[in-house]
Amino acid sequence: MQQSTEYEVSDLTTVDGSNQWLDKGFTWLVWFFACCTVFLLFWMSWIIFEKAWPAINKYGLGFLWGQEWEVSTLVFGALPYIYGTLVSSAIAIILAFPVGLAVAIVTSEDFLPPLVRNPLAFTVELIAAIPSVIIGLWGIFVLIPFLDPIQQWLYQNLGWFPLFSTQPAGYGMLVAGLILAIMILPTMAAISREVLLAIPKELRSGSMSLGATRWETIFGVILPAAASGILGAAILALGRAIGETMAVTLVIGNSPVISPSLLDLGYTIPAVMANEFGEAQDDLHVGALMYLALVLFVVTLLVNMAAVLLVRLIGKKQRK
């Protein structure tokens, strides 16, 4: 009887030891892939910086607020492209945020029967599967003709306001912002919906048992509890809008101008890189395009860093 007990204890020790080795091996594997990801980030940064060095060496930080872009004379400035990227992305997130949040609320709460709610959420998510060039072509043949009378009305009746102060040409910043809003809507809606579904049902039932209506529960309890996740969804959607290329290139007009009017033409960093990189021959021209890529890279990193900090800040406030 004693020998049997000793055998069982030694056997368990062996099993525990093997499990410890598996745990350690898995931990080191995870660390390895994490380090590879960080290394890849720094490697990409170094390659972009190296290719952009001719333009960095010549223009310095003045490249960021330069407004001329002449390939023939090798004079380059990034401000119109930075402006177009930020403005079109801002329009997109302003339009997509309330719509995506509304879709998330409708598809996560019991406003609709499951036979309608689940297909609706799936259909919105399918927009993300449409290639951007297809959405851009749809924008040319459908969205621009649809928006043209609206843009004309805005110009004729609100032309005194700077945002609508230029004669619309069909293409422009407003159309690009709408296209981007459509493209980032699935990201905003899907992530927000998952965040809302993760909220414990006890919060809903507890609020309504105290006499709150459904909408009071949503706006007073559910949305504040999900604020950090919804903010993360918005920042991820904004990050995609900043880096979008083909759809914006097809509808923004590709004119490097800085105008307060949303009806005017514009240009973005991804669009100018897509249009000119294949034909760039001079090292300075290539360097200027890579400098733009570096600026886009830094802006995207800053947006994501700000998102992480805001999510942590909101999470700490909620825990208090």
Protein backbone atom coordinates (compact mmCIF):
# COMPACT_ATOMS: atom_id res chain seq x y z
CA MET A 1 0.00 0.00 0.00
CA GLN A 2 2.85 2.39 0.82
CA GLN A 3 4.65 1.60 -2.45
CA SER A 4 1.51 2.42 -4.44
CA THR A 5 1.19 5.79 -2.72
CA GLU A 6 4.84 6.65 -3.39
CA TYR A 7 4.39 5.75 -7.08
CA GLU A 8 1.37 7.99 -7.41
CA VAL A 9 3.17 10.97 -5.80
CA SER A 10 6.23 10.59 -8.03
CA ASP A 11 3.98 10.27 -11.06
CA LEU A 12 2.18 13.50 -10.17
CA THR A 13 5.52 15.23 -9.67
CA THR A 14 6.61 14.17 -13.14
CA VAL A 15 3.39 15.44 -14.67
CA ASP A 16 3.69 18.75 -12.83
CA GLY A 17 7.27 19.12 -13.99
CA SER A 18 6.34 18.56 -17.62
CA ASN A 19 3.52 21.08 -17.28
CA GLN A 20 5.96 23.61 -15.89
CA TRP A 21 8.25 23.11 -18.86
CA LEU A 22 5.30 23.52 -21.23
CA ASP A 23 4.24 26.69 -19.45
CA LYS A 24 7.76 28.11 -19.61
CA GLY A 25 8.11 27.15 -23.26
CA PHE A 26 4.81 28.77 -24.16
CA THR A 27 5.77 31.91 -22.21
CA TRP A 28 9.08 32.21 -24.05
CA LEU A 29 7.30 31.64 -27.37
CA VAL A 30 4.86 34.45 -26.64
CA TRP A 31 7.72 36.75 -25.64
CA PHE A 32 9.56 35.86 -28.84
CA PHE A 33 6.62 36.78 -31.08
CA ALA A 34 6.03 39.97 -29.09
CA CYS A 35 9.68 40.97 -29.56
CA CYS A 36 9.42 40.14 -33.26
CA THR A 37 6.45 42.51 -33.54
CA VAL A 38 8.36 45.32 -31.84
CA PHE A 39 11.41 44.61 -33.99
CA LEU A 40 9.26 44.73 -37.12
CA LEU A 41 7.90 48.13 -36.08
CA PHE A 42 11.37 49.58 -35.55
CA TRP A 43 12.64 47.95 -38.75
CA MET A 44 9.86 49.53 -40.79
CA SER A 45 10.53 52.88 -39.13
CA TRP A 46 14.22 52.69 -39.95
CA ILE A 47 13.64 51.76 -43.61
CA ILE A 48 11.17 54.63 -44.07
CA PHE A 49 13.52 57.06 -42.32
CA GLU A 50 16.48 55.93 -44.42
CA LYS A 51 14.60 56.36 -47.69
CA ALA A 52 13.26 59.74 -46.55
CA TRP A 53 16.68 61.06 -45.49
CA PRO A 54 17.40 63.07 -48.70
CA ALA A 55 14.22 65.12 -48.16
CA ILE A 56 14.77 65.33 -44.39
CA ASN A 57 18.32 66.55 -44.93
CA LYS A 58 17.23 69.25 -47.41
CA TYR A 59 13.95 70.51 -45.96
CA GLY A 60 14.07 69.55 -42.29
CA LEU A 61 10.90 70.31 -40.35
CA GLY A 62 10.05 73.04 -42.86
CA PHE A 63 8.74 70.25 -45.08
CA LEU A 64 5.75 69.92 -42.74
CA TRP A 65 4.41 73.43 -43.39
CA GLY A 66 5.63 73.88 -46.96
CA GLN A 67 2.76 74.29 -49.44
CA GLU A 68 4.49 73.88 -52.82
CA TRP A 69 4.82 70.54 -54.56
CA GLU A 70 6.59 70.85 -57.91
CA VAL A 71 8.21 67.71 -59.26
CA SER A 72 9.84 69.56 -62.19
CA THR A 73 11.72 71.95 -59.90
CA LEU A 74 12.10 69.45 -57.04
CA VAL A 75 10.31 71.67 -54.54
CA PHE A 76 8.21 69.75 -52.04
CA GLY A 77 5.97 70.67 -49.13
CA ALA A 78 3.63 68.43 -47.15
CA LEU A 79 1.07 70.77 -45.59
CA PRO A 80 -1.74 70.38 -48.21
CA TYR A 81 -1.53 66.60 -47.93
CA ILE A 82 -1.42 66.59 -44.14
CA TYR A 83 -4.39 68.96 -44.10
CA GLY A 84 -6.39 66.81 -46.54
CA THR A 85 -5.66 63.64 -44.59
CA LEU A 86 -6.67 65.08 -41.24
CA VAL A 87 -9.78 66.91 -42.48
CA SER A 88 -11.17 63.98 -44.48
CA SER A 89 -10.54 61.63 -41.56
CA ALA A 90 -12.19 64.06 -39.14
CA ILE A 91 -15.28 64.26 -41.36
CA ALA A 92 -15.38 60.46 -41.51
CA ILE A 93 -15.21 59.88 -37.76
CA ILE A 94 -17.72 62.67 -37.04
CA LEU A 95 -20.22 60.99 -39.37
CA ALA A 96 -19.42 57.37 -38.56
CA PHE A 97 -19.34 57.67 -34.77
CA PRO A 98 -23.05 58.38 -34.11
CA VAL A 99 -24.23 56.05 -36.86
CA GLY A 100 -21.96 53.20 -35.74
CA LEU A 101 -22.94 53.69 -32.11
CA ALA A 102 -26.63 53.70 -33.05
CA VAL A 103 -26.20 50.46 -35.00
CA ALA A 104 -24.34 48.94 -32.04
CA ILE A 105 -27.12 49.90 -29.63
CA VAL A 106 -29.91 48.62 -31.89
CA THR A 107 -28.15 45.32 -32.56
CA SER A 108 -27.11 44.69 -28.94
CA GLU A 109 -30.33 45.61 -27.13
CA ASP A 110 -33.74 43.98 -27.46
CA PHE A 111 -35.29 46.59 -29.73
CA LEU A 112 -35.61 44.15 -32.61
CA PRO A 113 -36.30 40.40 -32.74
CA PRO A 114 -33.19 38.21 -33.17
CA LEU A 115 -34.23 37.29 -36.74
CA VAL A 116 -33.80 40.97 -37.67
CA ARG A 117 -31.11 42.04 -35.21
CA ASN A 118 -28.45 39.48 -36.08
CA PRO A 119 -28.72 39.78 -39.90
CA LEU A 120 -28.58 43.57 -39.53
CA ALA A 121 -25.32 43.39 -37.57
CA PHE A 122 -23.90 40.87 -40.06
CA THR A 123 -24.86 43.06 -43.04
CA VAL A 124 -23.12 46.11 -41.58
CA GLU A 125 -19.98 44.08 -40.94
CA LEU A 126 -20.02 42.88 -44.56
CA ILE A 127 -19.20 46.42 -45.71
CA ALA A 128 -15.67 45.82 -44.44
CA ALA A 129 -15.27 43.00 -46.99
CA ILE A 130 -15.89 45.30 -49.98
CA PRO A 131 -12.59 46.31 -51.67
CA SER A 132 -11.83 50.00 -51.31
CA VAL A 133 -11.50 50.49 -55.07
CA ILE A 134 -15.05 49.19 -55.52
CA ILE A 135 -16.33 51.65 -52.93
CA GLY A 136 -14.42 54.41 -54.72
CA LEU A 137 -16.02 53.53 -58.06
CA TRP A 138 -19.43 53.43 -56.37
CA GLY A 139 -18.65 56.88 -55.03
CA ILE A 140 -17.92 58.18 -58.55
CA PHE A 141 -21.00 56.75 -60.26
CA VAL A 142 -23.56 56.87 -57.41
CA LEU A 143 -22.54 59.05 -54.47
CA ILE A 144 -21.22 62.07 -56.39
CA PRO A 145 -24.34 62.40 -58.65
CA PHE A 146 -26.52 61.97 -55.56
CA LEU A 147 -24.64 64.62 -53.55
CA ASP A 148 -24.25 67.12 -56.40
CA PRO A 149 -27.65 68.86 -55.93
CA ILE A 150 -27.11 68.86 -52.16
CA GLN A 151 -23.69 70.47 -52.56
CA GLN A 152 -25.15 73.03 -54.96
CA TRP A 153 -27.88 73.88 -52.45
CA LEU A 154 -25.33 74.26 -49.66
CA TYR A 155 -23.24 76.60 -51.80
CA GLN A 156 -26.18 78.71 -52.97
CA ASN A 157 -27.82 79.05 -49.55
CA LEU A 158 -24.90 78.78 -47.13
CA GLY A 159 -22.08 80.06 -49.31
CA TRP A 160 -21.44 82.87 -46.81
CA PHE A 161 -20.25 80.21 -44.35
CA PRO A 162 -16.57 79.21 -44.87
CA LEU A 163 -17.33 75.48 -44.87
CA PHE A 164 -19.50 75.87 -48.01
CA SER A 165 -17.87 78.88 -49.63
CA THR A 166 -16.62 77.38 -52.92
CA GLN A 167 -18.41 76.27 -56.06
CA PRO A 168 -18.71 72.45 -55.85
CA ALA A 169 -17.08 70.40 -58.58
CA GLY A 170 -18.62 67.04 -57.65
CA TYR A 171 -15.37 65.62 -56.33
CA GLY A 172 -14.10 67.06 -53.08
CA MET A 173 -13.40 66.80 -49.39
CA LEU A 174 -17.01 66.21 -48.36
CA VAL A 175 -17.40 63.26 -50.73
CA ALA A 176 -14.11 61.80 -49.52
CA GLY A 177 -15.23 62.15 -45.90
CA LEU A 178 -18.52 60.38 -46.65
CA ILE A 179 -16.74 57.55 -48.44
CA LEU A 180 -14.38 57.14 -45.51
CA ALA A 181 -17.31 57.19 -43.08
CA ILE A 182 -18.91 54.31 -44.97
CA MET A 183 -15.65 52.37 -44.93
CA ILE A 184 -14.98 52.76 -41.20
CA LEU A 185 -18.61 52.22 -40.16
CA PRO A 186 -18.22 48.41 -39.78
CA THR A 187 -15.21 48.87 -37.48
CA MET A 188 -17.04 51.38 -35.31
CA ALA A 189 -20.28 49.39 -35.19
CA ALA A 190 -18.85 45.88 -34.73
CA ILE A 191 -16.42 46.71 -31.93
CA SER A 192 -18.94 48.92 -30.12
CA ARG A 193 -21.53 46.13 -30.35
CA GLU A 194 -19.16 43.59 -28.82
CA VAL A 195 -18.34 46.03 -26.02
CA LEU A 196 -22.02 46.61 -25.28
CA LEU A 197 -22.75 42.88 -25.31
CA ALA A 198 -19.96 42.36 -22.77
CA ILE A 199 -21.65 44.64 -20.24
CA PRO A 200 -23.14 42.45 -17.44
CA LYS A 201 -26.91 42.05 -17.68
CA GLU A 202 -27.12 42.78 -13.97
CA LEU A 203 -26.42 46.46 -14.72
CA ARG A 204 -29.40 46.62 -17.06
CA SER A 205 -31.78 44.79 -14.77
CA GLY A 206 -30.59 46.68 -11.69
CA SER A 207 -31.11 50.06 -13.34
CA MET A 208 -34.54 49.21 -14.68
CA SER A 209 -35.59 47.69 -11.34
CA LEU A 210 -34.91 51.09 -9.76
CA GLY A 211 -37.41 52.70 -12.10
CA ALA A 212 -35.20 53.84 -15.00
CA THR A 213 -36.56 53.52 -18.52
CA ARG A 214 -34.71 51.58 -21.19
CA TRP A 215 -33.22 54.72 -22.74
CA GLU A 216 -32.27 56.11 -19.33
CA THR A 217 -30.53 52.81 -18.64
CA ILE A 218 -28.68 52.93 -21.96
CA PHE A 219 -27.50 56.52 -21.65
CA GLY A 220 -27.03 56.58 -17.88
CA VAL A 221 -25.58 53.15 -17.19
CA ILE A 222 -24.63 51.10 -20.26
CA LEU A 223 -22.82 53.72 -22.35
CA PRO A 224 -20.78 55.13 -19.43
CA ALA A 225 -19.73 51.58 -18.50
CA ALA A 226 -18.70 50.90 -22.10
CA ALA A 227 -17.09 54.30 -22.70
CA SER A 228 -13.50 53.05 -22.86
CA GLY A 229 -14.33 50.30 -25.35
CA ILE A 230 -16.38 52.64 -27.53
CA LEU A 231 -13.54 55.16 -27.52
CA GLY A 232 -11.14 52.40 -28.58
CA ALA A 233 -13.47 51.49 -31.44
CA ALA A 234 -13.57 55.12 -32.57
CA ILE A 235 -9.78 55.43 -32.53
CA LEU A 236 -9.34 52.19 -34.50
CA ALA A 237 -11.85 53.45 -37.06
CA LEU A 238 -10.00 56.78 -37.24
CA GLY A 239 -6.72 54.95 -37.79
CA ARG A 240 -8.17 53.17 -40.79
CA ALA A 241 -9.56 56.42 -42.18
CA ILE A 242 -6.16 58.12 -41.94
CA GLY A 243 -4.44 55.37 -43.94
CA GLU A 244 -7.12 54.69 -46.58
CA THR A 245 -5.85 55.11 -50.14
CA MET A 246 -7.75 54.02 -53.24
CA ALA A 247 -11.30 55.04 -52.40
CA VAL A 248 -10.18 58.53 -51.36
CA THR A 249 -7.91 58.89 -54.39
CA LEU A 250 -10.87 58.31 -56.71
CA VAL A 251 -13.24 60.89 -55.18
CA ILE A 252 -11.26 63.67 -53.47
CA GLY A 253 -10.15 65.44 -56.65
CA ASN A 254 -6.39 65.21 -56.01
CA SER A 255 -5.68 68.93 -55.89
CA PRO A 256 -3.08 70.08 -53.31
CA VAL A 257 -4.99 73.09 -52.01
CA ILE A 258 -5.78 74.21 -48.48
CA SER A 259 -9.33 75.49 -48.30
CA PRO A 260 -11.77 75.83 -45.39
CA SER A 261 -14.59 74.77 -47.70
CA LEU A 262 -15.66 71.12 -47.58
CA LEU A 263 -16.95 71.50 -51.15
CA ASP A 264 -13.46 72.18 -52.49
CA LEU A 265 -10.99 69.64 -53.87
CA GLY A 266 -8.27 68.13 -51.73
CA TYR A 267 -5.42 65.65 -51.53
CA THR A 268 -4.24 63.16 -48.93
CA ILE A 269 -0.89 61.59 -48.09
CA PRO A 270 -1.88 58.05 -49.18
CA ALA A 271 -3.39 59.42 -52.40
CA VAL A 272 -0.28 61.34 -53.49
CA MET A 273 1.90 58.33 -52.71
CA ALA A 274 -0.32 56.06 -54.80
CA ASN A 275 -0.35 58.52 -57.71
CA GLU A 276 3.33 59.48 -57.83
CA PHE A 277 5.45 56.74 -56.29
CA GLY A 278 5.50 54.56 -59.40
CA GLU A 279 6.78 57.46 -61.52
CA ALA A 280 9.26 58.93 -59.03
CA GLN A 281 12.78 58.84 -60.47
CA ASP A 282 14.79 61.46 -58.62
CA ASP A 283 16.11 60.53 -55.18
CA LEU A 284 14.73 63.75 -53.74
CA HIS A 285 11.25 63.02 -55.12
CA VAL A 286 11.35 59.51 -53.66
CA GLY A 287 12.66 60.97 -50.41
CA ALA A 288 9.80 63.49 -50.27
CA LEU A 289 7.24 60.72 -50.75
CA MET A 290 8.91 58.62 -48.07
CA TYR A 291 8.98 61.68 -45.82
CA LEU A 292 5.21 61.86 -46.29
CA ALA A 293 5.01 58.16 -45.40
CA LEU A 294 7.03 58.85 -42.26
CA VAL A 295 4.66 61.67 -41.30
CA LEU A 296 1.67 59.38 -41.85
CA PHE A 297 3.37 56.68 -39.81
CA VAL A 298 4.02 59.06 -36.91
CA VAL A 299 0.49 60.49 -37.01
CA THR A 300 -0.99 56.98 -36.87
CA LEU A 301 1.25 56.02 -33.96
CA LEU A 302 0.32 59.19 -32.08
CA VAL A 303 -3.38 58.52 -32.62
CA ASN A 304 -3.04 54.98 -31.28
CA MET A 305 -0.93 56.11 -28.33
CA ALA A 306 -3.53 58.75 -27.49
CA ALA A 307 -6.23 56.07 -27.69
CA VAL A 308 -4.38 53.80 -25.24
CA LEU A 309 -3.87 56.66 -22.79
CA LEU A 310 -7.50 57.79 -23.00
CA VAL A 311 -8.82 54.24 -22.57
CA ARG A 312 -6.63 53.76 -19.48
CA LEU A 313 -7.66 57.14 -18.08
CA ILE A 314 -11.37 56.39 -18.54
CA GLY A 315 -10.88 52.91 -17.08
CA LYS A 316 -9.24 54.35 -13.94
CA LYS A 317 -12.05 56.85 -13.49
CA GLN A 318 -14.64 54.09 -13.85
CA ARG A 319 -12.88 51.91 -11.26
CA LYS A 320 -12.90 54.81 -8.79
